[in-house]
């Protein structure tokens, strides 16, 4: 059974939220990670994985995706400390699934091998097979030709949409984002009811 995730829109200081959540998790002895840096792409996650991820910042509001267990604890803690900690939850919605568009082109065999490995391990709960295409082209005549010429001995291209369960799609999105040759579209979330 997939764990439930929520989109939580919070009004207040992002730095205050970072400190509050970090201290809260450490104080409770909760294992797992938090990611407040949209640019951080995690190479390998623990078995627990990320419990909370930042997905958007606008003015004095920010949006995080959080798993149900941590969500329940955080909401209770924020309500309890509302007078002291000026963070206010504006909106909460169930996240049913996630998706993104991805596109890349590389002439590096090393980068190509890593991308093929990541995409070949698309696990149950992630659909990349029907909406994503990858092509590898080998041309022995291009061997030894410089990088900025129209002919290359190796080329790997990929393009399409990847969708599925929230955690698995987020993990894949962050792993692919580590590569300079990969262009990621905005993360698209499908929502259930607003709480």
N, C-alpha and C. Protein backbone atom coordinates (compact mmCIF):
# COMPACT_ATOMS: atom_id res chain seq x y z
N UNK A 1 0.84 -1.19 0.00
CA UNK A 1 0.00 0.00 0.00
C UNK A 1 0.89 1.25 0.00
N UNK A 2 0.55 2.21 -0.86
CA UNK A 2 1.33 3.45 -0.93
C UNK A 2 1.00 4.35 0.25
N UNK A 3 2.01 4.99 0.77
CA UNK A 3 1.85 5.95 1.83
C UNK A 3 1.13 7.19 1.29
N UNK A 4 0.29 7.80 2.10
CA UNK A 4 -0.41 9.01 1.70
C UNK A 4 0.51 10.22 1.85
N UNK A 5 0.43 11.14 0.90
CA UNK A 5 1.21 12.38 0.94
C UNK A 5 0.27 13.56 0.86
N UNK A 6 0.73 14.69 1.41
CA UNK A 6 -0.06 15.91 1.41
C UNK A 6 0.77 17.07 0.89
N UNK A 7 0.10 18.00 0.21
CA UNK A 7 0.69 19.28 -0.14
C UNK A 7 0.24 20.24 0.96
N UNK A 8 1.21 20.89 1.59
CA UNK A 8 0.91 21.80 2.69
C UNK A 8 1.46 23.18 2.32
N UNK A 9 0.57 24.16 2.27
CA UNK A 9 0.98 25.54 1.99
C UNK A 9 1.05 26.26 3.33
N UNK A 10 2.23 26.80 3.64
CA UNK A 10 2.48 27.43 4.94
C UNK A 10 2.83 28.90 4.74
N UNK A 11 2.27 29.74 5.59
CA UNK A 11 2.61 31.17 5.59
C UNK A 11 3.57 31.44 6.73
N UNK A 12 4.65 32.15 6.43
CA UNK A 12 5.63 32.48 7.45
C UNK A 12 7.04 32.40 6.89
N UNK A 13 7.99 32.39 7.78
CA UNK A 13 9.40 32.37 7.41
C UNK A 13 9.85 30.95 7.07
N UNK A 14 10.42 30.79 5.88
CA UNK A 14 10.95 29.48 5.49
C UNK A 14 12.08 29.06 6.43
N UNK A 15 12.94 30.01 6.81
CA UNK A 15 14.04 29.69 7.73
C UNK A 15 13.51 29.21 9.08
N UNK A 16 12.44 29.84 9.57
CA UNK A 16 11.84 29.40 10.83
C UNK A 16 11.29 27.98 10.69
N UNK A 17 10.65 27.70 9.55
CA UNK A 17 10.11 26.36 9.32
C UNK A 17 11.23 25.33 9.25
N UNK A 18 12.34 25.69 8.58
CA UNK A 18 13.48 24.78 8.51
C UNK A 18 13.97 24.42 9.91
N UNK A 19 14.16 25.44 10.74
CA UNK A 19 14.64 25.20 12.10
C UNK A 19 13.64 24.42 12.92
N UNK A 20 12.37 24.76 12.81
CA UNK A 20 11.33 24.07 13.57
C UNK A 20 11.26 22.59 13.20
N UNK A 21 11.20 22.32 11.90
CA UNK A 21 11.08 20.92 11.44
C UNK A 21 12.33 20.12 11.78
N UNK A 22 13.51 20.71 11.56
CA UNK A 22 14.75 20.00 11.87
C UNK A 22 14.82 19.65 13.35
N UNK A 23 14.51 20.62 14.21
CA UNK A 23 14.51 20.37 15.65
C UNK A 23 13.44 19.38 16.06
N UNK A 24 12.28 19.50 15.45
CA UNK A 24 11.16 18.60 15.76
C UNK A 24 11.51 17.15 15.44
N UNK A 25 12.06 16.94 14.25
CA UNK A 25 12.43 15.58 13.83
C UNK A 25 13.54 15.02 14.71
N UNK A 26 14.55 15.83 14.98
CA UNK A 26 15.66 15.38 15.83
C UNK A 26 15.16 15.08 17.25
N UNK A 27 14.31 15.95 17.78
CA UNK A 27 13.80 15.76 19.14
C UNK A 27 12.95 14.52 19.28
N UNK A 28 12.25 14.15 18.23
CA UNK A 28 11.40 12.95 18.26
C UNK A 28 12.16 11.69 17.89
N UNK A 29 13.39 11.84 17.43
CA UNK A 29 14.17 10.67 17.02
C UNK A 29 13.64 10.03 15.75
N UNK A 30 13.01 10.83 14.91
CA UNK A 30 12.43 10.30 13.67
C UNK A 30 13.53 10.12 12.64
N UNK A 31 13.55 8.95 12.02
CA UNK A 31 14.55 8.69 10.98
C UNK A 31 13.97 9.03 9.63
N UNK A 32 14.80 9.51 8.76
CA UNK A 32 14.36 9.93 7.43
C UNK A 32 14.94 11.29 7.18
N UNK A 33 14.72 11.81 6.02
CA UNK A 33 15.34 13.08 5.69
C UNK A 33 14.33 14.15 5.41
N UNK A 34 14.83 15.37 5.35
CA UNK A 34 14.03 16.51 4.94
C UNK A 34 14.82 17.24 3.88
N UNK A 35 14.15 17.81 2.92
CA UNK A 35 14.83 18.56 1.89
C UNK A 35 14.13 19.90 1.72
N UNK A 36 14.80 20.96 2.14
CA UNK A 36 14.26 22.29 1.96
C UNK A 36 14.93 22.99 0.79
N UNK A 37 15.87 22.35 0.15
CA UNK A 37 16.58 22.95 -0.97
C UNK A 37 16.10 22.29 -2.24
N UNK A 38 15.36 23.06 -3.06
CA UNK A 38 14.82 22.48 -4.29
C UNK A 38 15.92 22.06 -5.23
N UNK A 39 17.12 22.60 -5.06
CA UNK A 39 18.22 22.26 -5.95
C UNK A 39 19.01 21.06 -5.46
N UNK A 40 18.72 20.56 -4.25
CA UNK A 40 19.50 19.42 -3.75
C UNK A 40 18.95 18.15 -4.35
N UNK A 41 19.81 17.42 -4.97
CA UNK A 41 19.42 16.16 -5.59
C UNK A 41 20.16 15.05 -4.88
N UNK A 42 19.42 14.19 -4.28
CA UNK A 42 19.98 13.20 -3.39
C UNK A 42 20.42 11.97 -4.18
N UNK A 43 21.68 11.61 -4.04
CA UNK A 43 22.22 10.44 -4.75
C UNK A 43 21.54 9.17 -4.27
N UNK A 44 21.61 8.91 -3.01
CA UNK A 44 21.00 7.71 -2.44
C UNK A 44 20.24 8.11 -1.19
N UNK A 45 19.02 7.66 -1.09
CA UNK A 45 18.24 7.95 0.10
C UNK A 45 18.22 6.74 1.00
N UNK A 46 17.96 6.99 2.26
CA UNK A 46 17.83 5.90 3.21
C UNK A 46 16.58 5.10 2.89
N UNK A 47 16.40 3.99 3.58
CA UNK A 47 15.20 3.18 3.37
C UNK A 47 13.95 3.97 3.69
N UNK A 48 14.03 4.85 4.66
CA UNK A 48 12.88 5.67 5.03
C UNK A 48 12.65 6.75 3.98
N UNK A 49 13.71 7.26 3.41
CA UNK A 49 13.59 8.28 2.39
C UNK A 49 13.26 9.64 2.98
N UNK A 50 12.95 10.56 2.11
CA UNK A 50 12.64 11.91 2.56
C UNK A 50 11.23 11.97 3.10
N UNK A 51 11.10 12.60 4.25
CA UNK A 51 9.81 12.75 4.89
C UNK A 51 9.11 14.02 4.45
N UNK A 52 9.89 14.99 4.03
CA UNK A 52 9.34 16.29 3.67
C UNK A 52 10.21 16.90 2.58
N UNK A 53 9.58 17.48 1.56
CA UNK A 53 10.34 18.13 0.48
C UNK A 53 9.71 19.46 0.15
N UNK A 54 10.55 20.44 -0.05
CA UNK A 54 10.11 21.76 -0.48
C UNK A 54 9.85 21.70 -1.98
N UNK A 55 8.69 22.20 -2.41
CA UNK A 55 8.41 22.19 -3.84
C UNK A 55 8.09 23.57 -4.41
N UNK A 56 7.92 24.57 -3.55
CA UNK A 56 7.65 25.90 -4.08
C UNK A 56 7.75 26.98 -3.03
N UNK A 57 8.18 28.17 -3.44
CA UNK A 57 8.27 29.33 -2.55
C UNK A 57 7.70 30.52 -3.30
N UNK A 58 6.83 31.26 -2.62
CA UNK A 58 6.26 32.47 -3.22
C UNK A 58 6.01 33.49 -2.13
N UNK A 59 6.67 34.63 -2.24
CA UNK A 59 6.56 35.69 -1.23
C UNK A 59 6.82 35.12 0.16
N UNK A 60 5.85 35.23 1.05
CA UNK A 60 6.06 34.70 2.41
C UNK A 60 5.28 33.40 2.62
N UNK A 61 5.02 32.69 1.52
CA UNK A 61 4.41 31.36 1.64
C UNK A 61 5.30 30.34 0.94
N UNK A 62 5.23 29.13 1.40
CA UNK A 62 5.98 28.06 0.76
C UNK A 62 5.15 26.78 0.81
N UNK A 63 5.49 25.88 -0.09
CA UNK A 63 4.74 24.64 -0.23
C UNK A 63 5.68 23.47 -0.02
N UNK A 64 5.24 22.52 0.79
CA UNK A 64 6.01 21.31 1.03
C UNK A 64 5.13 20.09 0.76
N UNK A 65 5.78 19.00 0.41
CA UNK A 65 5.11 17.71 0.29
C UNK A 65 5.57 16.90 1.49
N UNK A 66 4.63 16.34 2.21
CA UNK A 66 4.97 15.65 3.45
C UNK A 66 4.17 14.35 3.55
N UNK A 67 4.81 13.31 4.05
CA UNK A 67 4.16 12.03 4.27
C UNK A 67 3.16 12.10 5.41
N UNK A 68 2.17 11.22 5.42
CA UNK A 68 1.07 11.29 6.38
C UNK A 68 1.51 11.21 7.84
N UNK A 69 2.47 10.37 8.17
CA UNK A 69 2.90 10.24 9.56
C UNK A 69 3.49 11.53 10.10
N UNK A 70 4.39 12.13 9.34
CA UNK A 70 5.00 13.38 9.76
C UNK A 70 3.99 14.52 9.69
N UNK A 71 3.09 14.48 8.73
CA UNK A 71 2.07 15.51 8.60
C UNK A 71 1.24 15.62 9.88
N UNK A 72 0.75 14.50 10.36
CA UNK A 72 -0.08 14.50 11.58
C UNK A 72 0.68 15.10 12.76
N UNK A 73 1.93 14.71 12.93
CA UNK A 73 2.74 15.21 14.04
C UNK A 73 3.04 16.71 13.90
N UNK A 74 3.38 17.15 12.69
CA UNK A 74 3.70 18.56 12.47
C UNK A 74 2.49 19.47 12.68
N UNK A 75 1.35 19.06 12.17
CA UNK A 75 0.15 19.88 12.33
C UNK A 75 -0.17 20.05 13.81
N UNK A 76 -0.10 18.97 14.56
CA UNK A 76 -0.37 19.04 16.01
C UNK A 76 0.64 19.97 16.69
N UNK A 77 1.92 19.86 16.33
CA UNK A 77 2.95 20.68 16.96
C UNK A 77 2.79 22.16 16.59
N UNK A 78 2.48 22.44 15.32
CA UNK A 78 2.30 23.83 14.91
C UNK A 78 1.10 24.47 15.59
N UNK A 79 0.00 23.71 15.73
CA UNK A 79 -1.18 24.23 16.41
C UNK A 79 -0.88 24.50 17.88
N UNK A 80 -0.15 23.61 18.50
CA UNK A 80 0.19 23.74 19.92
C UNK A 80 1.05 24.98 20.18
N UNK A 81 1.97 25.27 19.27
CA UNK A 81 2.92 26.37 19.47
C UNK A 81 2.57 27.60 18.63
N UNK A 82 1.36 27.70 18.13
CA UNK A 82 0.93 28.80 17.26
C UNK A 82 1.23 30.19 17.84
N UNK A 83 0.96 30.45 19.10
CA UNK A 83 1.24 31.80 19.60
C UNK A 83 2.73 32.17 19.59
N UNK A 84 3.59 31.19 19.75
CA UNK A 84 5.03 31.44 19.83
C UNK A 84 5.71 31.38 18.47
N UNK A 85 5.25 30.47 17.63
CA UNK A 85 5.87 30.25 16.33
C UNK A 85 4.92 30.77 15.24
N UNK A 86 5.27 31.88 14.60
CA UNK A 86 4.37 32.48 13.60
C UNK A 86 4.40 31.76 12.25
N UNK A 87 3.97 30.52 12.24
CA UNK A 87 3.81 29.74 11.02
C UNK A 87 2.35 29.31 10.96
N UNK A 88 1.72 29.56 9.83
CA UNK A 88 0.29 29.25 9.73
C UNK A 88 0.05 28.39 8.50
N UNK A 89 -0.65 27.29 8.66
CA UNK A 89 -1.00 26.43 7.54
C UNK A 89 -2.20 27.05 6.83
N UNK A 90 -2.02 27.36 5.54
CA UNK A 90 -3.08 28.00 4.76
C UNK A 90 -3.95 26.99 4.04
N UNK A 91 -3.34 25.92 3.55
CA UNK A 91 -4.09 24.95 2.75
C UNK A 91 -3.41 23.59 2.81
N UNK A 92 -4.21 22.56 2.83
CA UNK A 92 -3.71 21.19 2.80
C UNK A 92 -4.54 20.40 1.80
N UNK A 93 -3.85 19.69 0.89
CA UNK A 93 -4.55 18.82 -0.06
C UNK A 93 -3.84 17.48 -0.13
N UNK A 94 -4.63 16.44 -0.27
CA UNK A 94 -4.05 15.11 -0.51
C UNK A 94 -3.42 15.10 -1.89
N UNK A 95 -2.24 14.50 -2.00
CA UNK A 95 -1.58 14.35 -3.29
C UNK A 95 -1.79 12.90 -3.73
N UNK A 96 -2.47 12.73 -4.84
CA UNK A 96 -2.78 11.38 -5.33
C UNK A 96 -1.67 10.79 -6.18
N UNK A 97 -1.03 11.63 -7.00
CA UNK A 97 0.05 11.15 -7.85
C UNK A 97 0.90 12.34 -8.29
N UNK A 98 2.03 12.03 -8.90
CA UNK A 98 2.95 13.07 -9.37
C UNK A 98 3.43 12.70 -10.78
N UNK A 99 3.83 13.73 -11.53
CA UNK A 99 4.33 13.50 -12.88
C UNK A 99 5.27 14.64 -13.27
N UNK A 100 6.08 14.41 -14.28
CA UNK A 100 6.93 15.46 -14.83
C UNK A 100 7.35 15.09 -16.24
N UNK A 101 7.68 16.11 -17.01
CA UNK A 101 8.23 15.93 -18.35
C UNK A 101 9.74 15.98 -18.23
N UNK A 102 10.41 15.15 -19.01
CA UNK A 102 11.86 15.05 -18.94
C UNK A 102 12.41 14.96 -20.36
N UNK A 103 13.56 15.62 -20.58
CA UNK A 103 14.18 15.57 -21.89
C UNK A 103 15.70 15.66 -21.72
N UNK A 104 16.44 14.88 -22.50
CA UNK A 104 17.90 14.97 -22.44
C UNK A 104 18.54 14.52 -23.74
N UNK A 105 19.79 14.96 -23.91
CA UNK A 105 20.65 14.53 -25.01
C UNK A 105 22.06 14.56 -24.47
N UNK A 106 22.77 13.45 -24.62
CA UNK A 106 24.16 13.41 -24.19
C UNK A 106 25.00 12.67 -25.21
N UNK A 107 26.25 13.12 -25.31
CA UNK A 107 27.22 12.47 -26.18
C UNK A 107 28.26 11.72 -25.35
N UNK A 108 28.05 11.70 -24.05
CA UNK A 108 28.97 11.02 -23.14
C UNK A 108 28.47 9.62 -22.83
N UNK A 109 29.31 8.64 -23.09
CA UNK A 109 28.92 7.25 -22.79
C UNK A 109 28.74 7.06 -21.28
N UNK A 110 29.57 7.72 -20.50
CA UNK A 110 29.50 7.58 -19.05
C UNK A 110 28.16 8.13 -18.52
N UNK A 111 27.80 9.33 -18.94
CA UNK A 111 26.53 9.93 -18.52
C UNK A 111 25.37 9.09 -19.07
N UNK A 112 25.49 8.66 -20.30
CA UNK A 112 24.45 7.81 -20.91
C UNK A 112 24.22 6.53 -20.12
N UNK A 113 25.31 5.89 -19.70
CA UNK A 113 25.18 4.65 -18.92
C UNK A 113 24.46 4.90 -17.60
N UNK A 114 24.78 6.01 -16.94
CA UNK A 114 24.12 6.33 -15.67
C UNK A 114 22.64 6.62 -15.88
N UNK A 115 22.30 7.38 -16.91
CA UNK A 115 20.90 7.68 -17.19
C UNK A 115 20.12 6.42 -17.55
N UNK A 116 20.73 5.56 -18.37
CA UNK A 116 20.05 4.30 -18.74
C UNK A 116 19.82 3.44 -17.51
N UNK A 117 20.80 3.40 -16.60
CA UNK A 117 20.65 2.61 -15.38
C UNK A 117 19.49 3.13 -14.52
N UNK A 118 19.46 4.44 -14.32
CA UNK A 118 18.40 5.04 -13.50
C UNK A 118 17.03 4.77 -14.13
N UNK A 119 16.92 4.99 -15.43
CA UNK A 119 15.62 4.84 -16.10
C UNK A 119 15.23 3.38 -16.31
N UNK A 120 16.20 2.48 -16.35
CA UNK A 120 15.86 1.06 -16.50
C UNK A 120 15.33 0.49 -15.18
N UNK A 121 15.65 1.18 -14.08
CA UNK A 121 15.19 0.70 -12.78
C UNK A 121 13.90 1.39 -12.34
N UNK A 122 13.15 1.93 -13.31
CA UNK A 122 11.86 2.52 -12.95
C UNK A 122 11.05 1.41 -12.30
N UNK A 123 10.68 1.68 -11.08
CA UNK A 123 10.06 0.63 -10.28
C UNK A 123 8.54 0.62 -10.38
N UNK A 124 7.98 -0.38 -9.77
CA UNK A 124 6.52 -0.51 -9.69
C UNK A 124 5.97 0.75 -9.05
N UNK A 125 4.92 1.27 -9.63
CA UNK A 125 4.34 2.50 -9.10
C UNK A 125 4.74 3.73 -9.89
N UNK A 126 5.66 3.54 -10.88
CA UNK A 126 6.07 4.66 -11.74
C UNK A 126 5.89 4.22 -13.19
N UNK A 127 5.17 5.03 -13.96
CA UNK A 127 4.93 4.72 -15.36
C UNK A 127 5.79 5.62 -16.23
N UNK A 128 6.83 5.04 -16.76
CA UNK A 128 7.67 5.78 -17.68
C UNK A 128 7.70 5.06 -19.02
N UNK A 129 7.17 3.86 -19.03
CA UNK A 129 7.24 3.03 -20.23
C UNK A 129 6.33 3.57 -21.34
N UNK A 130 5.10 3.97 -21.00
CA UNK A 130 4.16 4.37 -22.04
C UNK A 130 4.38 5.80 -22.54
N UNK A 131 4.92 6.67 -21.70
CA UNK A 131 5.05 8.06 -22.11
C UNK A 131 6.46 8.56 -22.26
N UNK A 132 7.44 7.68 -22.21
CA UNK A 132 8.83 8.11 -22.26
C UNK A 132 9.59 7.27 -23.28
N UNK A 133 10.33 7.94 -24.16
CA UNK A 133 11.11 7.23 -25.17
C UNK A 133 12.59 7.59 -25.03
N UNK A 134 13.43 6.56 -25.18
CA UNK A 134 14.87 6.77 -25.10
C UNK A 134 15.50 6.08 -26.31
N UNK A 135 16.45 6.77 -26.97
CA UNK A 135 17.12 6.22 -28.15
C UNK A 135 18.62 6.39 -28.01
N UNK A 136 19.32 5.32 -28.34
CA UNK A 136 20.79 5.33 -28.31
C UNK A 136 21.27 5.15 -29.75
N UNK A 137 22.23 5.99 -30.13
CA UNK A 137 22.75 5.95 -31.49
C UNK A 137 24.27 5.84 -31.43
N UNK A 138 24.80 4.84 -32.13
CA UNK A 138 26.26 4.63 -32.22
C UNK A 138 26.68 4.86 -33.67
N UNK A 139 27.71 5.66 -33.88
CA UNK A 139 28.22 5.94 -35.22
C UNK A 139 29.74 5.88 -35.19
N UNK A 140 30.33 4.74 -35.61
CA UNK A 140 31.78 4.57 -35.57
C UNK A 140 32.54 5.64 -36.37
N UNK A 141 31.90 6.24 -37.36
CA UNK A 141 32.57 7.27 -38.17
C UNK A 141 32.82 8.54 -37.36
N UNK A 142 32.10 8.74 -36.27
CA UNK A 142 32.28 9.93 -35.46
C UNK A 142 33.37 9.80 -34.42
N UNK A 143 34.00 8.64 -34.31
CA UNK A 143 35.03 8.40 -33.30
C UNK A 143 36.18 9.37 -33.45
N UNK A 144 36.52 10.02 -32.34
CA UNK A 144 37.66 10.93 -32.33
C UNK A 144 37.34 12.35 -32.77
N UNK A 145 36.10 12.60 -33.16
CA UNK A 145 35.72 13.95 -33.59
C UNK A 145 35.41 14.79 -32.35
N UNK A 146 35.75 16.06 -32.42
CA UNK A 146 35.60 16.95 -31.26
C UNK A 146 34.15 17.12 -30.83
N UNK A 147 33.99 17.57 -29.61
CA UNK A 147 32.69 17.66 -28.96
C UNK A 147 31.69 18.57 -29.67
N UNK A 148 32.10 19.69 -30.23
CA UNK A 148 31.18 20.67 -30.78
C UNK A 148 30.98 20.53 -32.28
N UNK A 149 31.11 19.34 -32.81
CA UNK A 149 30.86 19.10 -34.23
C UNK A 149 29.53 18.38 -34.38
N UNK A 150 28.96 18.38 -35.59
CA UNK A 150 27.66 17.73 -35.78
C UNK A 150 27.70 16.20 -35.76
N UNK A 151 28.89 15.60 -35.82
CA UNK A 151 28.98 14.14 -35.86
C UNK A 151 29.62 13.63 -34.57
N UNK A 152 28.98 12.68 -33.93
CA UNK A 152 29.47 12.08 -32.68
C UNK A 152 29.38 10.56 -32.80
N UNK A 153 30.27 9.87 -32.13
CA UNK A 153 30.23 8.40 -32.20
C UNK A 153 29.17 7.82 -31.26
N UNK A 154 28.69 8.62 -30.30
CA UNK A 154 27.68 8.13 -29.35
C UNK A 154 26.69 9.26 -29.06
N UNK A 155 25.43 8.88 -29.00
CA UNK A 155 24.38 9.84 -28.62
C UNK A 155 23.25 9.07 -27.94
N UNK A 156 22.80 9.60 -26.81
CA UNK A 156 21.64 9.06 -26.12
C UNK A 156 20.65 10.20 -25.94
N UNK A 157 19.43 10.00 -26.40
CA UNK A 157 18.38 11.00 -26.22
C UNK A 157 17.21 10.36 -25.49
N UNK A 158 16.51 11.18 -24.78
CA UNK A 158 15.31 10.73 -24.09
C UNK A 158 14.33 11.87 -23.98
N UNK A 159 13.04 11.52 -24.04
CA UNK A 159 12.02 12.55 -23.98
C UNK A 159 10.69 11.91 -23.60
N UNK A 160 9.95 12.60 -22.73
CA UNK A 160 8.62 12.10 -22.42
C UNK A 160 8.18 12.44 -21.03
N UNK A 161 7.09 11.81 -20.64
CA UNK A 161 6.44 12.08 -19.36
C UNK A 161 6.57 10.86 -18.47
N UNK A 162 6.87 11.12 -17.20
CA UNK A 162 6.98 10.06 -16.21
C UNK A 162 5.96 10.38 -15.12
N UNK A 163 5.17 9.40 -14.74
CA UNK A 163 4.13 9.64 -13.74
C UNK A 163 3.99 8.43 -12.82
N UNK A 164 3.32 8.64 -11.69
CA UNK A 164 3.09 7.52 -10.78
C UNK A 164 2.94 7.96 -9.34
N UNK A 165 3.30 7.06 -8.43
CA UNK A 165 3.15 7.33 -7.01
C UNK A 165 4.07 8.46 -6.58
N UNK A 166 3.62 9.23 -5.61
CA UNK A 166 4.29 10.47 -5.23
C UNK A 166 5.75 10.27 -4.85
N UNK A 167 6.04 9.43 -3.89
CA UNK A 167 7.42 9.28 -3.41
C UNK A 167 8.36 8.80 -4.52
N UNK A 168 7.92 7.82 -5.27
CA UNK A 168 8.80 7.26 -6.30
C UNK A 168 9.07 8.27 -7.42
N UNK A 169 8.05 9.03 -7.80
CA UNK A 169 8.25 10.05 -8.83
C UNK A 169 9.14 11.17 -8.31
N UNK A 170 8.94 11.61 -7.06
CA UNK A 170 9.81 12.64 -6.48
C UNK A 170 11.26 12.17 -6.42
N UNK A 171 11.46 10.92 -6.02
CA UNK A 171 12.82 10.38 -5.95
C UNK A 171 13.48 10.39 -7.33
N UNK A 172 12.74 9.94 -8.34
CA UNK A 172 13.27 9.90 -9.70
C UNK A 172 13.54 11.31 -10.22
N UNK A 173 12.65 12.23 -9.93
CA UNK A 173 12.79 13.63 -10.33
C UNK A 173 14.09 14.22 -9.77
N UNK A 174 14.36 13.96 -8.52
CA UNK A 174 15.58 14.49 -7.90
C UNK A 174 16.83 13.77 -8.38
N UNK A 175 16.75 12.48 -8.65
CA UNK A 175 17.93 11.77 -9.17
C UNK A 175 18.29 12.26 -10.57
N UNK A 176 17.28 12.42 -11.42
CA UNK A 176 17.54 12.89 -12.79
C UNK A 176 18.02 14.34 -12.79
N UNK A 177 17.56 15.12 -11.85
CA UNK A 177 17.93 16.53 -11.77
C UNK A 177 19.40 16.78 -11.48
N UNK A 178 20.12 15.75 -11.07
CA UNK A 178 21.56 15.90 -10.80
C UNK A 178 22.37 16.03 -12.09
N UNK A 179 21.79 15.68 -13.20
CA UNK A 179 22.52 15.67 -14.47
C UNK A 179 22.29 16.97 -15.22
N UNK A 180 23.38 17.64 -15.62
CA UNK A 180 23.28 18.90 -16.35
C UNK A 180 22.58 18.74 -17.69
N UNK A 181 22.66 17.58 -18.29
CA UNK A 181 22.08 17.37 -19.62
C UNK A 181 20.57 17.14 -19.56
N UNK A 182 20.02 16.95 -18.38
CA UNK A 182 18.59 16.65 -18.24
C UNK A 182 17.81 17.93 -17.98
N UNK A 183 16.80 18.14 -18.80
CA UNK A 183 15.87 19.26 -18.60
C UNK A 183 14.60 18.68 -18.00
N UNK A 184 14.27 19.13 -16.80
CA UNK A 184 13.07 18.66 -16.13
C UNK A 184 11.99 19.72 -16.21
N UNK A 185 10.78 19.28 -16.51
CA UNK A 185 9.64 20.19 -16.45
C UNK A 185 9.22 20.36 -15.00
N UNK A 186 8.25 21.22 -14.79
CA UNK A 186 7.72 21.42 -13.45
C UNK A 186 7.08 20.13 -12.95
N UNK A 187 7.18 19.92 -11.67
CA UNK A 187 6.54 18.78 -11.05
C UNK A 187 5.04 19.02 -11.09
N UNK A 188 4.30 18.05 -11.60
CA UNK A 188 2.84 18.16 -11.69
C UNK A 188 2.24 17.22 -10.65
N UNK A 189 1.38 17.75 -9.82
CA UNK A 189 0.75 16.96 -8.78
C UNK A 189 -0.74 16.84 -9.05
N UNK A 190 -1.27 15.64 -8.86
CA UNK A 190 -2.71 15.43 -8.95
C UNK A 190 -3.25 15.39 -7.53
N UNK A 191 -4.25 16.21 -7.28
CA UNK A 191 -4.74 16.38 -5.91
C UNK A 191 -6.08 15.70 -5.69
N UNK A 192 -6.25 15.29 -4.45
CA UNK A 192 -7.54 14.81 -3.98
C UNK A 192 -8.23 15.97 -3.29
N UNK A 193 -9.01 15.65 -2.31
CA UNK A 193 -9.78 16.69 -1.63
C UNK A 193 -8.89 17.58 -0.76
N UNK A 194 -9.36 18.82 -0.58
CA UNK A 194 -8.71 19.77 0.31
C UNK A 194 -9.17 19.48 1.73
N UNK A 195 -8.22 19.45 2.66
CA UNK A 195 -8.59 19.16 4.05
C UNK A 195 -8.87 20.45 4.81
